[in-house]
C-alpha atoms as a PDB file:
ATOM      1  CA  MET A   1      77.535  73.573  83.610  1.00  0.00           C
ATOM      2  CA  VAL A   2      80.140  72.359  86.093  1.00  0.00           C
ATOM      3  CA  LYS A   3      79.292  69.631  88.617  1.00  0.00           C
ATOM      4  CA  THR A   4      79.465  70.426  92.322  1.00  0.00           C
ATOM      5  CA  ASN A   5      78.799  68.824  95.688  1.00  0.00           C
ATOM      6  CA  LYS A   6      75.752  71.078  96.256  1.00  0.00           C
ATOM      7  CA  ASP A   7      73.569  68.182  97.403  1.00  0.00           C
ATOM      8  CA  ARG A   8      75.888  67.502 100.344  1.00  0.00           C
ATOM      9  CA  LEU A   9      76.042  71.019 101.788  1.00  0.00           C
ATOM     10  CA  LEU A  10      74.534  72.046 105.115  1.00  0.00           C
ATOM     11  CA  GLU A  11      71.768  74.647 105.065  1.00  0.00           C
ATOM     12  CA  LEU A  12      71.435  76.693 108.235  1.00  0.00           C
ATOM     13  CA  ASN A  13      69.514  79.773 109.289  1.00  0.00           C
ATOM     14  CA  VAL A  14      71.452  82.681 110.774  1.00  0.00           C
ATOM     15  CA  MET A  15      70.036  85.987 111.907  1.00  0.00           C
ATOM     16  CA  GLY A  16      71.006  89.595 112.457  1.00  0.00           C
ATOM     17  CA  GLU A  17      69.506  93.048 112.656  1.00  0.00           C
ATOM     18  CA  VAL A  18      69.586  96.004 110.308  1.00  0.00           C
ATOM     19  CA  ASN A  19      72.430  97.963 111.843  1.00  0.00           C
ATOM     20  CA  HIS A  20      73.111 101.673 112.249  1.00  0.00           C
ATOM     21  CA  PRO A  21      75.425 103.536 109.820  1.00  0.00           C
ATOM     22  CA  GLN A  22      79.014 103.887 111.024  1.00  0.00           C
ATOM     23  CA  LEU A  23      81.193 106.970 110.584  1.00  0.00           C
ATOM     24  CA  ILE A  24      84.622 105.802 109.481  1.00  0.00           C
ATOM     25  CA  GLY A  25      87.125 107.558 111.709  1.00  0.00           C
ATOM     26  CA  GLY A  26      84.721 107.874 114.643  1.00  0.00           C
ATOM     27  CA  ARG A  27      84.397 111.532 115.698  1.00  0.00           C
ATOM     28  CA  SER A  28      87.344 112.585 113.513  1.00  0.00           C
ATOM     29  CA  TYR A  29      87.754 113.375 109.866  1.00  0.00           C
ATOM     30  CA  ILE A  30      89.394 110.737 107.722  1.00  0.00           C
ATOM     31  CA  THR A  31      92.409 111.953 105.787  1.00  0.00           C
ATOM     32  CA  THR A  32      92.337 111.246 102.074  1.00  0.00           C
ATOM     33  CA  TRP A  33      95.348 109.914 100.191  1.00  0.00           C
ATOM     34  CA  ASP A  34      96.159 113.481  99.050  1.00  0.00           C
ATOM     35  CA  GLY A  35      95.793 115.104 102.479  1.00  0.00           C
ATOM     36  CA  ARG A  36      92.212 116.410 102.537  1.00  0.00           C
ATOM     37  CA  PRO A  37      89.930 116.075 105.597  1.00  0.00           C
ATOM     38  CA  LYS A  38      86.649 114.303 104.909  1.00  0.00           C
ATOM     39  CA  LEU A  39      83.612 113.039 106.793  1.00  0.00           C
ATOM     40  CA  SER A  40      82.542 109.720 105.292  1.00  0.00           C
ATOM     41  CA  MET A  41      79.108 108.291 104.533  1.00  0.00           C
ATOM     42  CA  GLY A  42      77.877 104.946 103.282  1.00  0.00           C
ATOM     43  CA  TYR A  43      79.195 102.322 105.708  1.00  0.00           C
ATOM     44  CA  GLY A  44      76.371 100.309 107.294  1.00  0.00           C
ATOM     45  CA  GLY A  45      72.661 100.978 107.762  1.00  0.00           C
ATOM     46  CA  ILE A  46      70.059 101.302 105.000  1.00  0.00           C
ATOM     47  CA  ASN A  47      71.361 102.883 101.805  1.00  0.00           C
ATOM     48  CA  TYR A  48      68.532 104.204  99.628  1.00  0.00           C
ATOM     49  CA  SER A  49      70.861 105.592  96.956  1.00  0.00           C
ATOM     50  CA  VAL A  50      73.417 102.895  96.166  1.00  0.00           C
ATOM     51  CA  LYS A  51      72.431  99.479  94.837  1.00  0.00           C
ATOM     52  CA  VAL A  52      74.277  96.489  93.492  1.00  0.00           C
ATOM     53  CA  GLY A  53      74.887  97.190  89.799  1.00  0.00           C
ATOM     54  CA  ASP A  54      75.665 100.899  90.388  1.00  0.00           C
ATOM     55  CA  PRO A  55      79.098 102.483  89.692  1.00  0.00           C
ATOM     56  CA  VAL A  56      81.697 102.372  92.460  1.00  0.00           C
ATOM     57  CA  PHE A  57      82.618 106.035  91.777  1.00  0.00           C
ATOM     58  CA  GLY A  58      80.616 109.256  91.835  1.00  0.00           C
ATOM     59  CA  TRP A  59      78.948 109.311  95.263  1.00  0.00           C
ATOM     60  CA  GLU A  60      79.452 112.611  97.100  1.00  0.00           C
ATOM     61  CA  GLU A  61      81.105 112.400 100.562  1.00  0.00           C
ATOM     62  CA  ALA A  62      80.898 108.604 100.321  1.00  0.00           C
ATOM     63  CA  ASP A  63      83.597 106.159 101.355  1.00  0.00           C
ATOM     64  CA  HIS A  64      83.201 102.365 101.158  1.00  0.00           C
ATOM     65  CA  ALA A  65      79.547 103.031 100.202  1.00  0.00           C
ATOM     66  CA  GLU A  66      77.657  99.798 100.787  1.00  0.00           C
ATOM     67  CA  PRO A  67      74.625  98.927  98.653  1.00  0.00           C
ATOM     68  CA  GLY A  68      71.265  98.047 100.141  1.00  0.00           C
ATOM     69  CA  VAL A  69      71.012  96.964 103.764  1.00  0.00           C
ATOM     70  CA  SER A  70      73.757  96.088 106.238  1.00  0.00           C
ATOM     71  CA  VAL A  71      72.899  93.324 108.727  1.00  0.00           C
ATOM     72  CA  SER A  72      74.870  92.225 111.787  1.00  0.00           C
ATOM     73  CA  ASN A  73      74.340  90.505 115.146  1.00  0.00           C
ATOM     74  CA  LYS A  74      75.122  92.202 118.450  1.00  0.00           C
ATOM     75  CA  ASP A  75      76.433  88.931 119.917  1.00  0.00           C
ATOM     76  CA  SER A  76      79.992  88.456 118.623  1.00  0.00           C
ATOM     77  CA  GLY A  77      79.793  84.671 118.358  1.00  0.00           C
ATOM     78  CA  SER A  78      76.495  84.794 116.511  1.00  0.00           C
ATOM     79  CA  ASN A  79      77.844  87.536 114.249  1.00  0.00           C
ATOM     80  CA  ASN A  80      80.834  85.360 113.368  1.00  0.00           C
ATOM     81  CA  ALA A  81      78.437  82.634 112.237  1.00  0.00           C
ATOM     82  CA  LEU A  82      76.262  85.113 110.334  1.00  0.00           C
ATOM     83  CA  CYS A  83      79.234  86.554 108.472  1.00  0.00           C
ATOM     84  CA  SER A  84      81.121  83.306 107.760  1.00  0.00           C
ATOM     85  CA  TYR A  85      78.174  81.089 106.811  1.00  0.00           C
ATOM     86  CA  SER A  86      76.346  83.624 104.618  1.00  0.00           C
ATOM     87  CA  CYS A  87      77.108  83.385 100.906  1.00  0.00           C
ATOM     88  CA  ILE A  88      76.476  85.716  97.988  1.00  0.00           C
ATOM     89  CA  GLY A  89      73.154  84.729  96.450  1.00  0.00           C
ATOM     90  CA  ASN A  90      71.612  83.367  99.665  1.00  0.00           C
ATOM     91  CA  GLU A  91      67.968  84.197 100.292  1.00  0.00           C
ATOM     92  CA  SER A  92      67.106  86.428 103.241  1.00  0.00           C
ATOM     93  CA  LEU A  93      63.801  87.008 105.014  1.00  0.00           C
ATOM     94  CA  VAL A  94      62.658  89.979 107.126  1.00  0.00           C
ATOM     95  CA  LEU A  95      61.258  88.684 110.415  1.00  0.00           C
ATOM     96  CA  SER A  96      60.013  91.865 112.093  1.00  0.00           C
ATOM     97  CA  GLY A  97      58.755  95.385 111.472  1.00  0.00           C
ATOM     98  CA  ASP A  98      56.665  96.820 108.646  1.00  0.00           C
ATOM     99  CA  ALA A  99      58.618  94.815 106.039  1.00  0.00           C
ATOM    100  CA  LYS A 100      58.038  91.471 107.774  1.00  0.00           C
ATOM    101  CA  GLY A 101      57.821  88.624 105.250  1.00  0.00           C
ATOM    102  CA  SER A 102      59.812  90.428 102.534  1.00  0.00           C
ATOM    103  CA  LEU A 103      62.554  88.528 100.739  1.00  0.00           C
ATOM    104  CA  GLY A 104      66.034  89.760  99.860  1.00  0.00           C
ATOM    105  CA  THR A 105      69.332  88.477  98.497  1.00  0.00           C
ATOM    106  CA  VAL A 106      72.823  88.530 100.018  1.00  0.00           C
ATOM    107  CA  THR A 107      75.217  90.503  97.791  1.00  0.00           C
ATOM    108  CA  GLY A 108      78.394  90.566  99.895  1.00  0.00           C
ATOM    109  CA  LYS A 109      80.131  90.536 103.253  1.00  0.00           C
ATOM    110  CA  SER A 110      81.728  93.642 104.735  1.00  0.00           C
ATOM    111  CA  GLY A 111      83.924  94.563 107.692  1.00  0.00           C
ATOM    112  CA  TYR A 112      87.587  95.147 108.430  1.00  0.00           C
ATOM    113  CA  VAL A 113      89.826  95.694 111.446  1.00  0.00           C
ATOM    114  CA  THR A 114      88.249  98.871 112.839  1.00  0.00           C
ATOM    115  CA  MET A 115      84.689  98.367 111.558  1.00  0.00           C
ATOM    116  CA  PRO A 116      82.105  95.688 112.383  1.00  0.00           C
ATOM    117  CA  ASP A 117      81.600  92.614 110.207  1.00  0.00           C
ATOM    118  CA  SER A 118      78.254  92.572 108.438  1.00  0.00           C
ATOM    119  CA  VAL A 119      76.266  90.962 105.646  1.00  0.00           C
ATOM    120  CA  LEU A 120      74.938  93.120 102.793  1.00  0.00           C
ATOM    121  CA  VAL A 121      71.441  92.356 101.537  1.00  0.00           C
ATOM    122  CA  HIS A 122      69.579  93.636  98.472  1.00  0.00           C
ATOM    123  CA  PHE A 123      65.870  94.397  98.834  1.00  0.00           C
ATOM    124  CA  ASP A 124      63.473  95.946  96.343  1.00  0.00           C
ATOM    125  CA  GLY A 125      62.580  99.620  96.643  1.00  0.00           C
ATOM    126  CA  GLU A 126      59.239  99.067  98.359  1.00  0.00           C
ATOM    127  CA  THR A 127      60.855  96.916 101.049  1.00  0.00           C
ATOM    128  CA  LEU A 128      63.642  99.474 101.607  1.00  0.00           C
ATOM    129  CA  GLN A 129      61.034 102.124 102.438  1.00  0.00           C
ATOM    130  CA  LYS A 130      59.473  99.854 105.082  1.00  0.00           C
ATOM    131  CA  LEU A 131      62.681  98.657 106.747  1.00  0.00           C
ATOM    132  CA  ALA A 132      63.964 100.272 109.941  1.00  0.00           C
ATOM    133  CA  ILE A 133      67.151 100.020 111.939  1.00  0.00           C
ATOM    134  CA  GLY A 134      66.783  97.114 114.343  1.00  0.00           C
ATOM    135  CA  ASP A 135      64.526  95.004 112.122  1.00  0.00           C
ATOM    136  CA  LYS A 136      65.474  91.336 112.267  1.00  0.00           C
ATOM    137  CA  VAL A 137      66.683  89.637 109.087  1.00  0.00           C
ATOM    138  CA  GLN A 138      67.247  85.914 108.650  1.00  0.00           C
ATOM    139  CA  VAL A 139      69.594  84.393 106.045  1.00  0.00           C
ATOM    140  CA  ARG A 140      69.177  80.827 104.819  1.00  0.00           C
ATOM    141  CA  THR A 141      72.827  79.987 104.329  1.00  0.00           C
ATOM    142  CA  ARG A 142      74.054  77.548 101.715  1.00  0.00           C
ATOM    143  CA  GLY A 143      77.454  77.403 100.065  1.00  0.00           C
ATOM    144  CA  LEU A 144      80.051  76.852 102.785  1.00  0.00           C
ATOM    145  CA  GLY A 145      82.071  73.822 101.671  1.00  0.00           C
ATOM    146  CA  LEU A 146      81.100  74.129  98.003  1.00  0.00           C
ATOM    147  CA  LYS A 147      83.488  72.281  95.651  1.00  0.00           C
ATOM    148  CA  VAL A 148      83.715  71.849  91.900  1.00  0.00           C
ATOM    149  CA  GLU A 149      84.095  68.195  90.982  1.00  0.00           C
ATOM    150  CA  GLY A 150      87.384  67.384  89.262  1.00  0.00           C
ATOM    151  CA  PHE A 151      89.095  70.537  90.581  1.00  0.00           C
ATOM    152  CA  ASP A 152      90.388  69.557  93.991  1.00  0.00           C
ATOM    153  CA  HIS A 153      92.911  72.414  94.081  1.00  0.00           C
ATOM    154  CA  VAL A 154      90.308  75.102  93.384  1.00  0.00           C
ATOM    155  CA  LYS A 155      88.710  76.588  96.492  1.00  0.00           C
ATOM    156  CA  VAL A 156      85.256  78.152  96.387  1.00  0.00           C
ATOM    157  CA  TYR A 157      84.175  80.626  99.074  1.00  0.00           C
ATOM    158  CA  GLY A 158      80.988  82.512  99.838  1.00  0.00           C
ATOM    159  CA  LEU A 159      78.939  81.531  96.762  1.00  0.00           C
ATOM    160  CA  ASP A 160      75.457  80.079  96.768  1.00  0.00           C
ATOM    161  CA  PRO A 161      75.557  77.018  94.468  1.00  0.00           C
ATOM    162  CA  ALA A 162      72.653  78.414  92.445  1.00  0.00           C
ATOM    163  CA  LEU A 163      74.643  81.592  91.748  1.00  0.00           C
ATOM    164  CA  LEU A 164      77.691  79.598  90.626  1.00  0.00           C
ATOM    165  CA  GLU A 165      75.466  77.810  88.118  1.00  0.00           C
ATOM    166  CA  LYS A 166      74.194  81.152  86.782  1.00  0.00           C
ATOM    167  CA  MET A 167      77.713  82.557  86.300  1.00  0.00           C
ATOM    168  CA  SER A 168      78.280  80.494  83.118  1.00  0.00           C
ATOM    169  CA  VAL A 169      81.440  78.892  84.492  1.00  0.00           C
ATOM    170  CA  ARG A 170      82.619  76.298  81.995  1.00  0.00           C
ATOM    171  CA  GLU A 171      85.156  73.492  82.040  1.00  0.00           C
ATOM    172  CA  GLY A 172      87.590  73.151  79.159  1.00  0.00           C
ATOM    173  CA  GLY A 173      91.106  71.835  78.672  1.00  0.00           C
ATOM    174  CA  GLY A 174      91.507  71.114  82.357  1.00  0.00           C
ATOM    175  CA  HIS A 175      90.560  74.673  83.317  1.00  0.00           C
ATOM    176  CA  LEU A 176      87.595  76.455  84.814  1.00  0.00           C
ATOM    177  CA  LYS A 177      86.709  79.380  82.554  1.00  0.00           C
ATOM    178  CA  VAL A 178      85.009  82.177  84.480  1.00  0.00           C
ATOM    179  CA  PRO A 179      83.411  85.298  82.926  1.00  0.00           C
ATOM    180  CA  VAL A 180      84.761  88.510  84.528  1.00  0.00           C
ATOM    181  CA  SER A 181      84.265  92.210  83.842  1.00  0.00           C
ATOM    182  CA  MET A 182      88.007  92.949  84.110  1.00  0.00           C
ATOM    183  CA  VAL A 183      91.374  91.604  85.240  1.00  0.00           C
ATOM    184  CA  VAL A 184      93.011  93.507  88.111  1.00  0.00           C
ATOM    185  CA  PRO A 185      96.849  93.555  88.251  1.00  0.00           C
ATOM    186  CA  PRO A 186      98.441  92.508  91.559  1.00  0.00           C
ATOM    187  CA  HIS A 187      99.989  95.872  92.456  1.00  0.00           C
ATOM    188  CA  LEU A 188      96.508  97.397  92.826  1.00  0.00           C
ATOM    189  CA  MET A 189      95.454  95.134  95.689  1.00  0.00           C
ATOM    190  CA  GLY A 190      95.596  97.011  98.997  1.00  0.00           C
ATOM    191  CA  GLN A 191      93.863  96.964 102.384  1.00  0.00           C
ATOM    192  CA  GLY A 192      92.850  93.470 103.460  1.00  0.00           C
ATOM    193  CA  VAL A 193      95.988  91.556 102.467  1.00  0.00           C
ATOM    194  CA  GLY A 194      96.848  88.910 105.054  1.00  0.00           C
ATOM    195  CA  GLU A 195      93.795  89.679 107.187  1.00  0.00           C
ATOM    196  CA  ARG A 196      91.742  86.891 108.747  1.00  0.00           C
ATOM    197  CA  PRO A 197      90.123  83.903 106.993  1.00  0.00           C
ATOM    198  CA  THR A 198      88.836  84.483 103.480  1.00  0.00           C
ATOM    199  CA  GLU A 199      85.260  83.907 104.652  1.00  0.00           C
ATOM    200  CA  PHE A 200      85.291  87.275 106.481  1.00  0.00           C
ATOM    201  CA  GLY A 201      85.493  90.830 105.189  1.00  0.00           C
ATOM    202  CA  TYR A 202      86.853  92.079 101.887  1.00  0.00           C
ATOM    203  CA  TRP A 203      90.011  93.039 100.015  1.00  0.00           C
ATOM    204  CA  CYS A 204      90.338  96.515  98.487  1.00  0.00           C
ATOM    205  CA  ILE A 205      91.280  97.342  94.914  1.00  0.00           C
ATOM    206  CA  GLN A 206      93.278 100.546  95.431  1.00  0.00           C
ATOM    207  CA  THR A 207      91.657 103.473  93.621  1.00  0.00           C
ATOM    208  CA  THR A 208      93.728 106.286  95.120  1.00  0.00           C
ATOM    209  CA  CYS A 209      96.225 106.596  92.249  1.00  0.00           C
ATOM    210  CA  PRO A 210      94.540 108.589  89.452  1.00  0.00           C
ATOM    211  CA  GLN A 211      96.925 107.277  86.795  1.00  0.00           C
ATOM    212  CA  SER A 212      96.284 103.646  87.709  1.00  0.00           C
ATOM    213  CA  VAL A 213      92.528 104.225  87.796  1.00  0.00           C
ATOM    214  CA  GLU A 214      92.610 105.518  84.220  1.00  0.00           C
ATOM    215  CA  GLU A 215      95.193 103.045  82.890  1.00  0.00           C
ATOM    216  CA  ASN A 216      93.252 100.056  84.168  1.00  0.00           C
ATOM    217  CA  GLY A 217      89.751 101.278  83.352  1.00  0.00           C
ATOM    218  CA  LEU A 218      88.650 101.160  86.977  1.00  0.00           C
ATOM    219  CA  ARG A 219      86.024 103.864  86.439  1.00  0.00           C
ATOM    220  CA  ARG A 220      84.007 101.203  84.623  1.00  0.00           C
ATOM    221  CA  LEU A 221      83.741  99.143  87.807  1.00  0.00           C
ATOM    222  CA  ARG A 222      80.280  98.519  89.228  1.00  0.00           C
ATOM    223  CA  ILE A 223      79.212  97.106  92.544  1.00  0.00           C
ATOM    224  CA  GLY A 224      78.463  93.444  91.903  1.00  0.00           C
ATOM    225  CA  ASP A 225      81.052  93.054  89.127  1.00  0.00           C
ATOM    226  CA  VAL A 226      82.868  89.736  88.993  1.00  0.00           C
ATOM    227  CA  VAL A 227      86.605  90.448  88.605  1.00  0.00           C
ATOM    228  CA  ALA A 228      89.817  88.439  88.276  1.00  0.00           C
ATOM    229  CA  LEU A 229      92.661  89.249  90.687  1.00  0.00           C
ATOM    230  CA  LEU A 230      95.908  88.322  88.949  1.00  0.00           C
ATOM    231  CA  ASP A 231      98.660  86.554  90.949  1.00  0.00           C
ATOM    232  CA  GLN A 232      96.578  86.465  94.142  1.00  0.00           C
ATOM    233  CA  TYR A 233      95.833  83.385  96.248  1.00  0.00           C
ATOM    234  CA  CYS A 234      93.097  83.407  98.875  1.00  0.00           C
ATOM    235  CA  GLY A 235      93.141  79.817 100.073  1.00  0.00           C
ATOM    236  CA  TYR A 236      93.892  80.619 103.717  1.00  0.00           C
ATOM    237  CA  GLY A 237      93.991  84.402 103.773  1.00  0.00           C
ATOM    238  CA  ARG A 238      94.749  86.951 101.071  1.00  0.00           C
ATOM    239  CA  GLY A 239      98.121  87.474  99.457  1.00  0.00           C
ATOM    240  CA  TYR A 240     100.401  87.605  96.435  1.00  0.00           C
ATOM    241  CA  LEU A 241     101.456  84.356  94.752  1.00  0.00           C
ATOM    242  CA  ARG A 242     102.852  84.408  91.235  1.00  0.00           C
ATOM    243  CA  GLY A 243     100.779  82.272  88.896  1.00  0.00           C
ATOM    244  CA  ALA A 244      97.764  82.162  91.215  1.00  0.00           C
ATOM    245  CA  MET A 245      94.303  83.455  90.320  1.00  0.00           C
ATOM    246  CA  THR A 246      91.401  84.682  92.423  1.00  0.00           C
ATOM    247  CA  ILE A 247      87.904  85.515  91.241  1.00  0.00           C
ATOM    248  CA  GLY A 248      86.053  88.039  93.377  1.00  0.00           C
ATOM    249  CA  VAL A 249      82.829  90.055  93.578  1.00  0.00           C
ATOM    250  CA  VAL A 250      82.935  93.838  94.112  1.00  0.00           C
ATOM    251  CA  ILE A 251      80.741  94.498  97.154  1.00  0.00           C
ATOM    252  CA  HIS A 252      81.031  98.245  97.899  1.00  0.00           C
ATOM    253  CA  GLY A 253      82.089 101.561  96.434  1.00  0.00           C
ATOM    254  CA  ALA A 254      85.406 103.385  96.077  1.00  0.00           C
ATOM    255  CA  SER A 255      87.443 105.080  98.809  1.00  0.00           C
ATOM    256  CA  ASP A 256      89.696 108.127  99.199  1.00  0.00           C
ATOM    257  CA  ILE A 257      91.722 106.541 102.028  1.00  0.00           C
ATOM    258  CA  ALA A 258      95.267 105.550 101.046  1.00  0.00           C
ATOM    259  CA  GLY A 259      95.456 101.841 100.229  1.00  0.00           C
ATOM    260  CA  HIS A 260      91.673 101.474 100.040  1.00  0.00           C
ATOM    261  CA  GLY A 261      89.073 101.269  97.295  1.00  0.00           C
ATOM    262  CA  PRO A 262      86.191  99.076  96.129  1.00  0.00           C
ATOM    263  CA  GLY A 263      86.009  95.990  98.354  1.00  0.00           C
ATOM    264  CA  VAL A 264      86.123  92.516  96.825  1.00  0.00           C
ATOM    265  CA  ASN A 265      84.882  89.264  98.356  1.00  0.00           C
ATOM    266  CA  PRO A 266      87.088  86.442  97.005  1.00  0.00           C
ATOM    267  CA  VAL A 267      84.862  83.587  95.789  1.00  0.00           C
ATOM    268  CA  ILE A 268      87.099  81.281  93.708  1.00  0.00           C
ATOM    269  CA  THR A 269      90.855  80.837  94.057  1.00  0.00           C
ATOM    270  CA  CYS A 270      93.628  78.566  92.792  1.00  0.00           C
ATOM    271  CA  ARG A 271      97.419  78.408  92.978  1.00  0.00           C
ATOM    272  CA  SER A 272      98.496  77.106  89.604  1.00  0.00           C
ATOM    273  CA  GLY A 273      96.361  78.377  86.763  1.00  0.00           C
ATOM    274  CA  GLU A 274      93.392  76.027  87.026  1.00  0.00           C
ATOM    275  CA  VAL A 275      91.074  79.057  86.758  1.00  0.00           C
ATOM    276  CA  VAL A 276      91.096  81.164  83.578  1.00  0.00           C
ATOM    277  CA  PRO A 277      89.156  84.465  83.285  1.00  0.00           C
ATOM    278  CA  ARG A 278      87.128  85.353  80.204  1.00  0.00           C
ATOM    279  CA  ILE A 279      86.161  89.002  79.672  1.00  0.00           C
ATOM    280  CA  ASP A 280      82.405  89.637  79.698  1.00  0.00           C
ATOM    281  CA  SER A 281      81.160  93.182  80.329  1.00  0.00           C
ATOM    282  CA  GLY A 282      77.946  91.768  81.777  1.00  0.00           C
ATOM    283  CA  ALA A 283      79.655  89.724  84.493  1.00  0.00           C
ATOM    284  CA  ASN A 284      77.760  91.170  87.452  1.00  0.00           C
ATOM    285  CA  ILE A 285      75.710  89.465  90.145  1.00  0.00           C
ATOM    286  CA  ALA A 286      72.846  91.941  89.643  1.00  0.00           C
ATOM    287  CA  ARG A 287      72.460  90.422  86.189  1.00  0.00           C
ATOM    288  CA  TYR A 288      72.891  86.819  87.289  1.00  0.00           C
ATOM    289  CA  LEU A 289      70.402  87.186  90.151  1.00  0.00           C
ATOM    290  CA  ALA A 290      67.960  89.448  88.230  1.00  0.00           C
ATOM    291  CA  LEU A 291      68.146  92.159  90.918  1.00  0.00           C
ATOM    292  CA  ARG A 292      67.951  95.268  88.702  1.00  0.00           C
ATOM    293  CA  LYS A 293      65.176  95.383  86.113  1.00  0.00           C
ATOM    294  CA  ASP A 294      65.908  99.093  85.623  1.00  0.00           C
ATOM    295  CA  LEU A 295      69.338  98.179  84.187  1.00  0.00           C
ATOM    296  CA  GLY A 296      67.838  95.812  81.636  1.00  0.00           C
ATOM    297  CA  TRP A 297      69.086  92.789  83.572  1.00  0.00           C
END
């Protein structure tokens, strides 16, 4: 197990509300990469169908389908804190409504230029049935400022320290060896490049080229998979840098919009090869956090 500065991190409570689903494109159809009109479902709200651990493909009329519950704050400043401080693996607590007192787990952070920033939270099935739009949800944030001792040039973003410990990251030969479900080549990275600080939103793996989807095995991708983004550096944004490496977590489903696809939250990044991926088909946060008993995890 790697050593971190976890004992010196601030822990703060932030709060939001279960938000309403958003129709991508507003009152218009979106246009798919191959020119078809489509109404989209799955962005925001309470999703009873899609959970972390499920495939990114195969959901009818879905686009950017988000698992579980989407939480945001109506006050922009408070929402910025909610979405930047929250880390994957953080514990959440329902503060109001029929599900009051129920616990959940943060599984990702969503939002891009034309859609609101939000935090995605996994709850068990019983809690999902009790939740309603507008219910208040609190997140106990921990992870901002997390560092791995001895790796000053490796940046860690948006990970609860307890989750990092469960990911079986190992040190060896001056490298951090991280289990990942697959390695994604740089030409597949699309929407999200250059946008905002790394602590906000996601970066899409493009899934709109059928040949690339098949050649790179992207149909195996699941929400919650830990993946390696080759030649990408996310220290102060998101972009291409030869020799760099970024580890990310897939947080939502596929897309038919050109340049879009499953969103990834970058969580570990380096410039010069300090991080080395190791293929493990079970590298998924649903397994690490024991969120899906039905999947045998």
